[in-house]
Amino acid sequence: MPKKRKQYTQEFRESAVKLITEQGYHITEAALNLGINASMLGRWKREIESGWSSGSASASGKDLQSEVTRLRKENHRLKLEREILKKAAAFFAKESGCGIK
């Protein structure tokens, strides 16, 4: 009877690779601690670094770009609101005789 291959989630793979890239573990040490083969962990690292891992890099890139666009629009709107409030504060200060400019 053939042995069923264990499937690992993308989140698990990314966490395993972060042990190597961010926390300084060696591939063999991280693989041993996780109970997986070192060559598999090395392959995951190469795949994630090259952006090949199931297209998640391009999807997150699109998400990031749309977020940047949204934040730029919001930033512009907030700057306009701030200028309006400055002018209103100066107007009312002038009307009431306060020394605020």
Protein backbone atom coordinates (compact mmCIF):
# COMPACT_ATOMS: atom_id res chain seq x y z
CA MET A 1 0.00 0.00 0.00
CA PRO A 2 1.53 3.36 -1.05
CA LYS A 3 2.25 5.89 1.63
CA LYS A 4 0.05 9.00 1.47
CA ARG A 5 2.02 12.20 1.05
CA LYS A 6 1.55 14.78 3.78
CA GLN A 7 0.28 18.16 2.61
CA TYR A 8 1.49 21.33 4.34
CA THR A 9 -0.35 24.63 4.25
CA GLN A 10 1.19 27.69 2.65
CA GLU A 11 1.14 29.38 6.06
CA PHE A 12 3.18 26.53 7.58
CA ARG A 13 5.67 26.69 4.72
CA GLU A 14 6.11 30.44 5.09
CA SER A 15 6.54 30.13 8.86
CA ALA A 16 9.14 27.42 8.38
CA VAL A 17 11.08 29.56 5.90
CA LYS A 18 10.93 32.53 8.30
CA LEU A 19 12.78 30.41 10.85
CA ILE A 20 15.68 30.36 8.41
CA THR A 21 15.50 33.83 6.92
CA GLU A 22 14.47 35.92 9.92
CA GLN A 23 15.52 33.97 12.99
CA GLY A 24 18.85 32.65 11.75
CA TYR A 25 18.25 28.90 12.03
CA HIS A 26 20.15 26.60 9.68
CA ILE A 27 17.98 24.62 7.29
CA THR A 28 18.86 21.28 8.88
CA GLU A 29 18.20 22.58 12.40
CA ALA A 30 14.82 24.11 11.49
CA ALA A 31 13.79 21.00 9.55
CA LEU A 32 14.71 18.74 12.45
CA ASN A 33 12.70 20.88 14.90
CA LEU A 34 9.69 20.88 12.58
CA GLY A 35 9.91 17.17 11.78
CA ILE A 36 10.33 17.65 8.02
CA ASN A 37 13.02 16.85 5.49
CA ALA A 38 15.76 19.48 5.11
CA SER A 39 15.68 19.26 1.31
CA MET A 40 11.94 20.00 1.35
CA LEU A 41 12.51 23.06 3.53
CA GLY A 42 15.29 24.22 1.20
CA ARG A 43 12.93 23.86 -1.76
CA TRP A 44 10.22 25.87 0.03
CA LYS A 45 12.77 28.60 0.71
CA ARG A 46 13.79 28.78 -2.95
CA GLU A 47 10.16 28.79 -4.09
CA ILE A 48 9.13 31.57 -1.71
CA GLU A 49 12.18 33.67 -2.50
CA SER A 50 11.58 33.36 -6.24
CA GLY A 51 7.87 34.24 -5.86
CA TRP A 52 6.78 30.98 -7.47
CA SER A 53 4.77 29.75 -4.49
CA SER A 54 1.22 29.52 -5.86
CA GLY A 55 1.04 33.07 -7.18
CA SER A 56 0.56 34.53 -3.71
CA ALA A 57 3.28 37.11 -4.34
CA SER A 58 1.46 38.64 -7.30
CA ALA A 59 -1.86 38.64 -5.47
CA SER A 60 -0.37 40.36 -2.46
CA GLY A 61 1.35 42.83 -4.78
CA LYS A 62 -2.01 43.79 -6.26
CA ASP A 63 -3.48 44.11 -2.77
CA LEU A 64 -0.61 46.33 -1.70
CA GLN A 65 -0.94 48.53 -4.78
CA SER A 66 -4.67 49.03 -4.23
CA GLU A 67 -4.00 49.84 -0.57
CA VAL A 68 -1.35 52.40 -1.52
CA THR A 69 -3.76 54.04 -3.98
CA ARG A 70 -6.52 54.17 -1.36
CA LEU A 71 -4.18 55.63 1.24
CA ARG A 72 -2.91 58.29 -1.17
CA LYS A 73 -6.47 59.40 -1.89
CA GLU A 74 -7.26 59.48 1.81
CA ASN A 75 -4.07 61.42 2.55
CA HIS A 76 -4.97 64.02 -0.09
CA ARG A 77 -8.49 64.39 1.32
CA LEU A 78 -7.17 64.78 4.86
CA LYS A 79 -4.70 67.46 3.78
CA LEU A 80 -7.52 69.40 2.13
CA GLU A 81 -9.66 69.09 5.26
CA ARG A 82 -6.79 70.28 7.42
CA GLU A 83 -6.31 73.38 5.24
CA ILE A 84 -10.02 74.16 5.45
CA LEU A 85 -9.95 73.83 9.22
CA LYS A 86 -6.89 76.09 9.46
CA LYS A 87 -8.65 78.76 7.43
CA ALA A 88 -11.84 78.42 9.47
CA ALA A 89 -9.92 78.66 12.74
CA ALA A 90 -8.10 81.77 11.52
CA PHE A 91 -11.39 83.33 10.38
CA PHE A 92 -13.16 82.70 13.68
CA ALA A 93 -10.15 83.84 15.70
CA LYS A 94 -10.10 87.07 13.72
CA GLU A 95 -13.87 87.54 14.28
CA SER A 96 -13.69 86.94 18.02
CA GLY A 97 -10.59 89.07 18.55
CA CYS A 98 -8.37 86.23 19.86
CA GLY A 99 -4.72 86.41 19.02
CA ILE A 100 -4.64 83.02 17.23
CA LYS A 101 -3.27 83.05 13.69
